[in-house]
Amino acid sequence: MQRIRLRYTKRGRLRFTSHRDFQRAFERALRRAEVPMAYSAGFTPHPKVSYANAAPTGTGSEAEYLEIALTAARDPEQLRALLDESLPTGLDVVDAVEVRTSGLADRLTASVWELRLDGVDPAEADRAVEAFNRAGTVEVQRMAKNGVRTFDARAAVVHLETHSEPADRPTDRPCAILRLVVRHVTPAVRPDDVLSGLRAVADLAPPVPAAVTRLAQGLFDEETGTVTDPLAPDREAAQAPTTAEPAAAAKAPA
């Protein structure tokens, strides 16, 4: 059995698809692309697809991950192209590797988010971000299954700063862009929780809903403060020479 890990996106209007909607679209794409899927046992077999830490409905993403199991080997890049052609534009399969290491979910420990706040002056956003970063704790509330839950949105935030808009913007309307690095903790701290925190500490209230996009997710590197590519270990394992290759090279005549 071969296993393949895929990175896919949610762009444009497709950011409003729910995770369940994506699951249905992806299973249809598997059938269209005639992927030799492995199926679960039992009364209602289903394709062996493992999803990891999907983005909330309404947010865009450049870094969603899943893993599939196949009954016959396929070239990862060819499989990626076939699946990408079988999905609607906006749900794009952009990377594929053969599984050679364990623990993909364990390598998804942090996310990088971009929050576009239309109608917010960048100077106002700077003041709010500074207040948030200075705070020791920032309590926010979220509706959960068992009622309203209060938790600290500050502790999970590794980095929060404002970014400048491109100089060639087509409109003069103010817009602030925030870049957020947040750890995956329990309870999960989402971009909208951070926006609630900015409202709590600095009364920052965008006039329209923020456009939120996940730019990356992976293992957080404590030394560099960056979020690393979770598929990199599989690529490195595929490129590493086998133990037989050095032995063969040593026996080869000079």
C-alpha atoms as a PDB file:
ATOM      1  CA  MET A   1       0.000   0.000   0.000  1.00  0.00           C
ATOM      2  CA  GLN A   2       1.329   3.427  -0.959  1.00  0.00           C
ATOM      3  CA  ARG A   3       0.487   6.599   0.958  1.00  0.00           C
ATOM      4  CA  ILE A   4       0.620  10.104  -0.495  1.00  0.00           C
ATOM      5  CA  ARG A   5       0.499  13.419   1.350  1.00  0.00           C
ATOM      6  CA  LEU A   6      -1.050  16.411  -0.408  1.00  0.00           C
ATOM      7  CA  ARG A   7      -1.128  20.149   0.179  1.00  0.00           C
ATOM      8  CA  TYR A   8      -4.146  21.995  -1.176  1.00  0.00           C
ATOM      9  CA  THR A   9      -5.571  25.505  -1.095  1.00  0.00           C
ATOM     10  CA  LYS A  10      -8.891  27.270  -0.500  1.00  0.00           C
ATOM     11  CA  ARG A  11      -8.899  30.444  -2.588  1.00  0.00           C
ATOM     12  CA  GLY A  12     -11.378  33.089  -3.650  1.00  0.00           C
ATOM     13  CA  ARG A  13     -15.032  32.208  -3.165  1.00  0.00           C
ATOM     14  CA  LEU A  14     -14.077  28.627  -2.322  1.00  0.00           C
ATOM     15  CA  ARG A  15     -12.919  29.839   1.097  1.00  0.00           C
ATOM     16  CA  PHE A  16     -16.582  29.647   2.082  1.00  0.00           C
ATOM     17  CA  THR A  17     -16.763  25.887   1.525  1.00  0.00           C
ATOM     18  CA  SER A  18     -17.044  23.906   4.743  1.00  0.00           C
ATOM     19  CA  HIS A  19     -14.731  21.015   5.519  1.00  0.00           C
ATOM     20  CA  ARG A  20     -17.579  18.594   4.804  1.00  0.00           C
ATOM     21  CA  ASP A  21     -18.143  20.239   1.410  1.00  0.00           C
ATOM     22  CA  PHE A  22     -14.462  19.811   0.600  1.00  0.00           C
ATOM     23  CA  GLN A  23     -14.554  16.156   1.623  1.00  0.00           C
ATOM     24  CA  ARG A  24     -17.388  15.480  -0.812  1.00  0.00           C
ATOM     25  CA  ALA A  25     -15.646  17.391  -3.618  1.00  0.00           C
ATOM     26  CA  PHE A  26     -12.380  15.578  -2.984  1.00  0.00           C
ATOM     27  CA  GLU A  27     -13.964  12.124  -3.033  1.00  0.00           C
ATOM     28  CA  ARG A  28     -15.608  12.981  -6.361  1.00  0.00           C
ATOM     29  CA  ALA A  29     -12.201  14.108  -7.660  1.00  0.00           C
ATOM     30  CA  LEU A  30     -10.681  10.782  -6.601  1.00  0.00           C
ATOM     31  CA  ARG A  31     -13.282   8.949  -8.668  1.00  0.00           C
ATOM     32  CA  ARG A  32     -12.859  11.241 -11.701  1.00  0.00           C
ATOM     33  CA  ALA A  33      -9.083  10.840 -11.615  1.00  0.00           C
ATOM     34  CA  GLU A  34      -9.486   7.034 -11.249  1.00  0.00           C
ATOM     35  CA  VAL A  35      -7.173   6.955  -8.244  1.00  0.00           C
ATOM     36  CA  PRO A  36      -6.695   3.366  -6.983  1.00  0.00           C
ATOM     37  CA  MET A  37      -7.876   4.164  -3.466  1.00  0.00           C
ATOM     38  CA  ALA A  38      -7.652   1.835  -0.497  1.00  0.00           C
ATOM     39  CA  TYR A  39     -10.960   1.494   1.347  1.00  0.00           C
ATOM     40  CA  SER A  40     -11.844   0.867   4.956  1.00  0.00           C
ATOM     41  CA  ALA A  41     -13.386  -2.406   6.033  1.00  0.00           C
ATOM     42  CA  GLY A  42     -16.887  -2.755   7.421  1.00  0.00           C
ATOM     43  CA  PHE A  43     -20.480  -2.427   6.275  1.00  0.00           C
ATOM     44  CA  THR A  44     -19.973   0.989   4.602  1.00  0.00           C
ATOM     45  CA  PRO A  45     -16.432   1.150   3.201  1.00  0.00           C
ATOM     46  CA  HIS A  46     -15.045   4.625   2.516  1.00  0.00           C
ATOM     47  CA  PRO A  47     -11.792   5.875   0.961  1.00  0.00           C
ATOM     48  CA  LYS A  48      -8.845   6.009   3.323  1.00  0.00           C
ATOM     49  CA  VAL A  49      -8.309   9.756   3.541  1.00  0.00           C
ATOM     50  CA  SER A  50      -6.876  11.447   6.636  1.00  0.00           C
ATOM     51  CA  TYR A  51      -7.437  15.188   7.012  1.00  0.00           C
ATOM     52  CA  ALA A  52      -5.233  17.313   9.269  1.00  0.00           C
ATOM     53  CA  ASN A  53      -6.256  20.523  11.049  1.00  0.00           C
ATOM     54  CA  ALA A  54      -8.605  22.016   8.457  1.00  0.00           C
ATOM     55  CA  ALA A  55      -9.073  25.801   8.362  1.00  0.00           C
ATOM     56  CA  PRO A  56     -12.396  27.227   9.602  1.00  0.00           C
ATOM     57  CA  THR A  57     -15.166  27.884   7.077  1.00  0.00           C
ATOM     58  CA  GLY A  58     -14.850  31.369   5.588  1.00  0.00           C
ATOM     59  CA  THR A  59     -11.064  31.566   5.799  1.00  0.00           C
ATOM     60  CA  GLY A  60      -8.761  31.125   2.835  1.00  0.00           C
ATOM     61  CA  SER A  61      -5.715  28.903   2.986  1.00  0.00           C
ATOM     62  CA  GLU A  62      -2.544  28.166   1.088  1.00  0.00           C
ATOM     63  CA  ALA A  63      -1.591  25.280   3.374  1.00  0.00           C
ATOM     64  CA  GLU A  64      -4.172  22.539   3.976  1.00  0.00           C
ATOM     65  CA  TYR A  65      -2.970  18.947   4.271  1.00  0.00           C
ATOM     66  CA  LEU A  66      -4.340  15.452   3.847  1.00  0.00           C
ATOM     67  CA  GLU A  67      -3.064  11.911   3.328  1.00  0.00           C
ATOM     68  CA  ILE A  68      -4.469   9.169   1.096  1.00  0.00           C
ATOM     69  CA  ALA A  69      -3.767   5.439   0.882  1.00  0.00           C
ATOM     70  CA  LEU A  70      -3.520   3.687  -2.495  1.00  0.00           C
ATOM     71  CA  THR A  71      -3.692   0.040  -3.498  1.00  0.00           C
ATOM     72  CA  ALA A  72      -1.272   0.608  -6.415  1.00  0.00           C
ATOM     73  CA  ALA A  73       1.747   2.891  -6.657  1.00  0.00           C
ATOM     74  CA  ARG A  74       1.419   6.199  -8.499  1.00  0.00           C
ATOM     75  CA  ASP A  75       3.855   9.002  -9.239  1.00  0.00           C
ATOM     76  CA  PRO A  76       3.060  11.755  -6.685  1.00  0.00           C
ATOM     77  CA  GLU A  77       3.387  14.637  -9.154  1.00  0.00           C
ATOM     78  CA  GLN A  78       1.220  12.966 -11.810  1.00  0.00           C
ATOM     79  CA  LEU A  79      -1.367  12.145  -9.157  1.00  0.00           C
ATOM     80  CA  ARG A  80      -1.308  15.749  -7.952  1.00  0.00           C
ATOM     81  CA  ALA A  81      -1.928  17.065 -11.471  1.00  0.00           C
ATOM     82  CA  LEU A  82      -4.841  14.674 -12.056  1.00  0.00           C
ATOM     83  CA  LEU A  83      -6.524  15.596  -8.782  1.00  0.00           C
ATOM     84  CA  ASP A  84      -5.968  19.298  -9.376  1.00  0.00           C
ATOM     85  CA  GLU A  85      -7.688  19.040 -12.776  1.00  0.00           C
ATOM     86  CA  SER A  86     -10.606  17.207 -11.157  1.00  0.00           C
ATOM     87  CA  LEU A  87     -11.283  19.857  -8.502  1.00  0.00           C
ATOM     88  CA  PRO A  88     -12.895  23.283  -9.039  1.00  0.00           C
ATOM     89  CA  THR A  89     -10.614  26.290  -9.393  1.00  0.00           C
ATOM     90  CA  GLY A  90      -9.847  27.588  -5.914  1.00  0.00           C
ATOM     91  CA  LEU A  91      -9.507  24.111  -4.437  1.00  0.00           C
ATOM     92  CA  ASP A  92      -6.057  23.556  -5.902  1.00  0.00           C
ATOM     93  CA  VAL A  93      -3.732  20.636  -5.144  1.00  0.00           C
ATOM     94  CA  VAL A  94      -0.312  22.287  -5.154  1.00  0.00           C
ATOM     95  CA  ASP A  95       2.074  19.719  -3.663  1.00  0.00           C
ATOM     96  CA  ALA A  96       2.392  15.953  -3.247  1.00  0.00           C
ATOM     97  CA  VAL A  97       4.958  13.641  -1.662  1.00  0.00           C
ATOM     98  CA  GLU A  98       5.123   9.926  -0.967  1.00  0.00           C
ATOM     99  CA  VAL A  99       4.912   9.177   2.745  1.00  0.00           C
ATOM    100  CA  ARG A 100       8.321   8.166   4.078  1.00  0.00           C
ATOM    101  CA  THR A 101       8.101   9.452   7.643  1.00  0.00           C
ATOM    102  CA  SER A 102       5.487   9.237  10.381  1.00  0.00           C
ATOM    103  CA  GLY A 103       3.688  11.913  12.319  1.00  0.00           C
ATOM    104  CA  LEU A 104       2.331  14.501   9.874  1.00  0.00           C
ATOM    105  CA  ALA A 105      -0.208  15.733  12.439  1.00  0.00           C
ATOM    106  CA  ASP A 106       2.565  16.085  15.015  1.00  0.00           C
ATOM    107  CA  ARG A 107       4.375  18.477  12.655  1.00  0.00           C
ATOM    108  CA  LEU A 108       1.394  20.830  12.392  1.00  0.00           C
ATOM    109  CA  THR A 109       2.070  22.800  15.565  1.00  0.00           C
ATOM    110  CA  ALA A 110       1.621  26.400  14.347  1.00  0.00           C
ATOM    111  CA  SER A 111       0.058  28.501  11.580  1.00  0.00           C
ATOM    112  CA  VAL A 112       0.903  31.753   9.843  1.00  0.00           C
ATOM    113  CA  TRP A 113      -2.185  33.869   9.121  1.00  0.00           C
ATOM    114  CA  GLU A 114      -2.780  37.069   7.181  1.00  0.00           C
ATOM    115  CA  LEU A 115      -5.695  39.259   8.305  1.00  0.00           C
ATOM    116  CA  ARG A 116      -6.845  41.989   5.920  1.00  0.00           C
ATOM    117  CA  LEU A 117      -8.812  44.694   7.717  1.00  0.00           C
ATOM    118  CA  ASP A 118     -10.500  46.889   5.113  1.00  0.00           C
ATOM    119  CA  GLY A 119     -11.559  50.290   6.427  1.00  0.00           C
ATOM    120  CA  VAL A 120      -9.006  50.240   9.272  1.00  0.00           C
ATOM    121  CA  ASP A 121      -6.255  52.865   9.347  1.00  0.00           C
ATOM    122  CA  PRO A 122      -2.803  51.203   9.603  1.00  0.00           C
ATOM    123  CA  ALA A 123      -1.806  53.591  12.420  1.00  0.00           C
ATOM    124  CA  GLU A 124      -4.864  52.482  14.416  1.00  0.00           C
ATOM    125  CA  ALA A 125      -3.948  48.846  13.786  1.00  0.00           C
ATOM    126  CA  ASP A 126      -0.361  49.526  14.944  1.00  0.00           C
ATOM    127  CA  ARG A 127      -1.625  50.881  18.272  1.00  0.00           C
ATOM    128  CA  ALA A 128      -3.938  47.902  18.776  1.00  0.00           C
ATOM    129  CA  VAL A 129      -1.214  45.372  17.941  1.00  0.00           C
ATOM    130  CA  GLU A 130       1.189  47.094  20.346  1.00  0.00           C
ATOM    131  CA  ALA A 131      -1.402  46.936  23.131  1.00  0.00           C
ATOM    132  CA  PHE A 132      -2.103  43.264  22.423  1.00  0.00           C
ATOM    133  CA  ASN A 133       1.594  42.344  22.434  1.00  0.00           C
ATOM    134  CA  ARG A 134       2.179  44.203  25.724  1.00  0.00           C
ATOM    135  CA  ALA A 135      -0.668  42.397  27.468  1.00  0.00           C
ATOM    136  CA  GLY A 136       0.142  39.428  29.674  1.00  0.00           C
ATOM    137  CA  THR A 137      -3.251  37.840  29.069  1.00  0.00           C
ATOM    138  CA  VAL A 138      -6.119  38.733  26.771  1.00  0.00           C
ATOM    139  CA  GLU A 139      -9.362  37.012  27.721  1.00  0.00           C
ATOM    140  CA  VAL A 140     -11.917  36.432  24.982  1.00  0.00           C
ATOM    141  CA  GLN A 141     -15.153  34.506  24.766  1.00  0.00           C
ATOM    142  CA  ARG A 142     -16.414  32.021  22.220  1.00  0.00           C
ATOM    143  CA  MET A 143     -19.653  30.088  21.995  1.00  0.00           C
ATOM    144  CA  ALA A 144     -18.970  26.357  22.472  1.00  0.00           C
ATOM    145  CA  LYS A 145     -21.210  23.276  22.597  1.00  0.00           C
ATOM    146  CA  ASN A 146     -21.631  23.661  26.346  1.00  0.00           C
ATOM    147  CA  GLY A 147     -22.152  27.419  26.324  1.00  0.00           C
ATOM    148  CA  VAL A 148     -19.890  30.456  26.354  1.00  0.00           C
ATOM    149  CA  ARG A 149     -16.240  29.647  26.980  1.00  0.00           C
ATOM    150  CA  THR A 150     -13.664  32.181  28.230  1.00  0.00           C
ATOM    151  CA  PHE A 151      -9.974  31.654  27.487  1.00  0.00           C
ATOM    152  CA  ASP A 152      -6.691  33.504  26.977  1.00  0.00           C
ATOM    153  CA  ALA A 153      -6.013  34.412  23.340  1.00  0.00           C
ATOM    154  CA  ARG A 154      -2.596  35.943  24.077  1.00  0.00           C
ATOM    155  CA  ALA A 155      -0.583  32.932  25.245  1.00  0.00           C
ATOM    156  CA  ALA A 156      -0.820  31.063  21.916  1.00  0.00           C
ATOM    157  CA  VAL A 157       0.290  34.057  19.822  1.00  0.00           C
ATOM    158  CA  VAL A 158       3.988  33.841  18.961  1.00  0.00           C
ATOM    159  CA  HIS A 159       4.085  36.886  16.706  1.00  0.00           C
ATOM    160  CA  LEU A 160       1.663  39.631  15.678  1.00  0.00           C
ATOM    161  CA  GLU A 161       2.583  42.647  13.554  1.00  0.00           C
ATOM    162  CA  THR A 162       1.203  44.964  10.878  1.00  0.00           C
ATOM    163  CA  HIS A 163       2.276  44.777   7.231  1.00  0.00           C
ATOM    164  CA  SER A 164       2.273  47.522   4.626  1.00  0.00           C
ATOM    165  CA  GLU A 165      -0.069  47.492   1.632  1.00  0.00           C
ATOM    166  CA  PRO A 166       1.475  47.484  -1.867  1.00  0.00           C
ATOM    167  CA  ALA A 167       2.109  50.967  -3.248  1.00  0.00           C
ATOM    168  CA  ASP A 168      -0.057  50.334  -6.337  1.00  0.00           C
ATOM    169  CA  ARG A 169      -3.342  49.723  -4.498  1.00  0.00           C
ATOM    170  CA  PRO A 170      -6.340  50.470  -6.776  1.00  0.00           C
ATOM    171  CA  THR A 171      -8.222  52.373  -4.037  1.00  0.00           C
ATOM    172  CA  ASP A 172      -7.474  55.030  -1.443  1.00  0.00           C
ATOM    173  CA  ARG A 173      -9.669  53.396   1.183  1.00  0.00           C
ATOM    174  CA  PRO A 174      -7.647  52.628   4.349  1.00  0.00           C
ATOM    175  CA  CYS A 175      -6.634  49.034   4.899  1.00  0.00           C
ATOM    176  CA  ALA A 176      -4.516  47.380   7.572  1.00  0.00           C
ATOM    177  CA  ILE A 177      -2.870  44.003   7.099  1.00  0.00           C
ATOM    178  CA  LEU A 178      -1.831  41.909  10.085  1.00  0.00           C
ATOM    179  CA  ARG A 179       0.545  38.945  10.056  1.00  0.00           C
ATOM    180  CA  LEU A 180      -0.067  36.441  12.838  1.00  0.00           C
ATOM    181  CA  VAL A 181       1.867  33.349  13.968  1.00  0.00           C
ATOM    182  CA  VAL A 182      -0.128  31.273  16.431  1.00  0.00           C
ATOM    183  CA  ARG A 183       0.554  27.932  18.096  1.00  0.00           C
ATOM    184  CA  HIS A 184      -1.980  25.116  17.829  1.00  0.00           C
ATOM    185  CA  VAL A 185      -3.087  24.725  21.432  1.00  0.00           C
ATOM    186  CA  THR A 186      -6.190  23.543  23.283  1.00  0.00           C
ATOM    187  CA  PRO A 187      -8.549  25.308  23.132  1.00  0.00           C
ATOM    188  CA  ALA A 188      -7.550  26.393  19.630  1.00  0.00           C
ATOM    189  CA  VAL A 189      -6.890  30.121  19.215  1.00  0.00           C
ATOM    190  CA  ARG A 190      -8.238  31.231  15.841  1.00  0.00           C
ATOM    191  CA  PRO A 191      -7.701  34.484  13.953  1.00  0.00           C
ATOM    192  CA  ASP A 192     -11.172  35.693  14.946  1.00  0.00           C
ATOM    193  CA  ASP A 193     -10.219  35.150  18.609  1.00  0.00           C
ATOM    194  CA  VAL A 194      -7.205  37.415  18.101  1.00  0.00           C
ATOM    195  CA  LEU A 195      -9.486  40.015  16.498  1.00  0.00           C
ATOM    196  CA  SER A 196     -11.736  39.757  19.553  1.00  0.00           C
ATOM    197  CA  GLY A 197      -8.631  40.308  21.680  1.00  0.00           C
ATOM    198  CA  LEU A 198      -7.686  43.412  19.698  1.00  0.00           C
ATOM    199  CA  ARG A 199     -11.169  44.748  20.275  1.00  0.00           C
ATOM    200  CA  ALA A 200     -10.889  43.991  24.007  1.00  0.00           C
ATOM    201  CA  VAL A 201      -7.509  45.681  24.569  1.00  0.00           C
ATOM    202  CA  ALA A 202      -7.718  48.559  22.070  1.00  0.00           C
ATOM    203  CA  ASP A 203     -11.349  48.820  20.903  1.00  0.00           C
ATOM    204  CA  LEU A 204     -10.300  47.909  17.349  1.00  0.00           C
ATOM    205  CA  ALA A 205     -13.479  47.076  15.421  1.00  0.00           C
ATOM    206  CA  PRO A 206     -13.168  46.715  11.622  1.00  0.00           C
ATOM    207  CA  PRO A 207     -16.260  48.053   9.799  1.00  0.00           C
ATOM    208  CA  VAL A 208     -16.410  44.925   7.599  1.00  0.00           C
ATOM    209  CA  PRO A 209     -15.443  41.306   8.339  1.00  0.00           C
ATOM    210  CA  ALA A 210     -11.734  40.595   8.041  1.00  0.00           C
ATOM    211  CA  ALA A 211     -10.435  38.621   5.062  1.00  0.00           C
ATOM    212  CA  VAL A 212      -8.373  35.857   6.663  1.00  0.00           C
ATOM    213  CA  THR A 213      -5.918  33.561   4.871  1.00  0.00           C
ATOM    214  CA  ARG A 214      -3.673  30.863   6.268  1.00  0.00           C
ATOM    215  CA  LEU A 215      -0.304  31.287   4.560  1.00  0.00           C
ATOM    216  CA  ALA A 216       1.488  28.310   6.118  1.00  0.00           C
ATOM    217  CA  GLN A 217       1.244  25.697   8.807  1.00  0.00           C
ATOM    218  CA  GLY A 218       3.819  23.286  10.115  1.00  0.00           C
ATOM    219  CA  LEU A 219       6.341  22.726  12.880  1.00  0.00           C
ATOM    220  CA  PHE A 220       7.299  25.868  14.772  1.00  0.00           C
ATOM    221  CA  ASP A 221      11.089  26.303  14.912  1.00  0.00           C
ATOM    222  CA  GLU A 222      11.934  27.830  18.285  1.00  0.00           C
ATOM    223  CA  GLU A 223      15.404  28.949  17.172  1.00  0.00           C
ATOM    224  CA  THR A 224      14.396  30.821  14.017  1.00  0.00           C
ATOM    225  CA  GLY A 225      10.816  31.692  14.973  1.00  0.00           C
ATOM    226  CA  THR A 226       9.548  30.334  11.651  1.00  0.00           C
ATOM    227  CA  VAL A 227       6.958  27.741  10.643  1.00  0.00           C
ATOM    228  CA  THR A 228       8.619  24.978   8.626  1.00  0.00           C
ATOM    229  CA  ASP A 229       7.284  22.900   5.714  1.00  0.00           C
ATOM    230  CA  PRO A 230       5.693  19.716   7.162  1.00  0.00           C
ATOM    231  CA  LEU A 231       6.331  17.789   3.925  1.00  0.00           C
ATOM    232  CA  ALA A 232      10.075  18.516   3.931  1.00  0.00           C
ATOM    233  CA  PRO A 233      11.023  15.395   5.984  1.00  0.00           C
ATOM    234  CA  ASP A 234       9.345  13.154   3.376  1.00  0.00           C
ATOM    235  CA  ARG A 235      11.208  14.873   0.528  1.00  0.00           C
ATOM    236  CA  GLU A 236      14.505  14.600   2.374  1.00  0.00           C
ATOM    237  CA  ALA A 237      13.910  10.923   3.116  1.00  0.00           C
ATOM    238  CA  ALA A 238      13.156  10.289  -0.573  1.00  0.00           C
ATOM    239  CA  GLN A 239      16.364  12.015  -1.669  1.00  0.00           C
ATOM    240  CA  ALA A 240      18.620  10.362   0.908  1.00  0.00           C
ATOM    241  CA  PRO A 241      20.815   7.547  -0.516  1.00  0.00           C
ATOM    242  CA  THR A 242      20.004   4.057   0.640  1.00  0.00           C
ATOM    243  CA  THR A 243      22.527   2.028   2.634  1.00  0.00           C
ATOM    244  CA  ALA A 244      23.073  -0.180  -0.387  1.00  0.00           C
ATOM    245  CA  GLU A 245      24.187   2.725  -2.586  1.00  0.00           C
ATOM    246  CA  PRO A 246      27.268   3.705  -0.528  1.00  0.00           C
ATOM    247  CA  ALA A 247      28.308   0.048  -0.333  1.00  0.00           C
ATOM    248  CA  ALA A 248      28.006  -0.345  -4.094  1.00  0.00           C
ATOM    249  CA  ALA A 249      30.026   2.839  -4.615  1.00  0.00           C
ATOM    250  CA  ALA A 250      32.783   1.556  -2.340  1.00  0.00           C
ATOM    251  CA  LYS A 251      33.116  -1.680  -4.357  1.00  0.00           C
ATOM    252  CA  ALA A 252      33.123   0.058  -7.707  1.00  0.00           C
ATOM    253  CA  PRO A 253      36.562  -0.006  -9.470  1.00  0.00           C
ATOM    254  CA  ALA A 254      38.563   3.226  -9.452  1.00  0.00           C
END
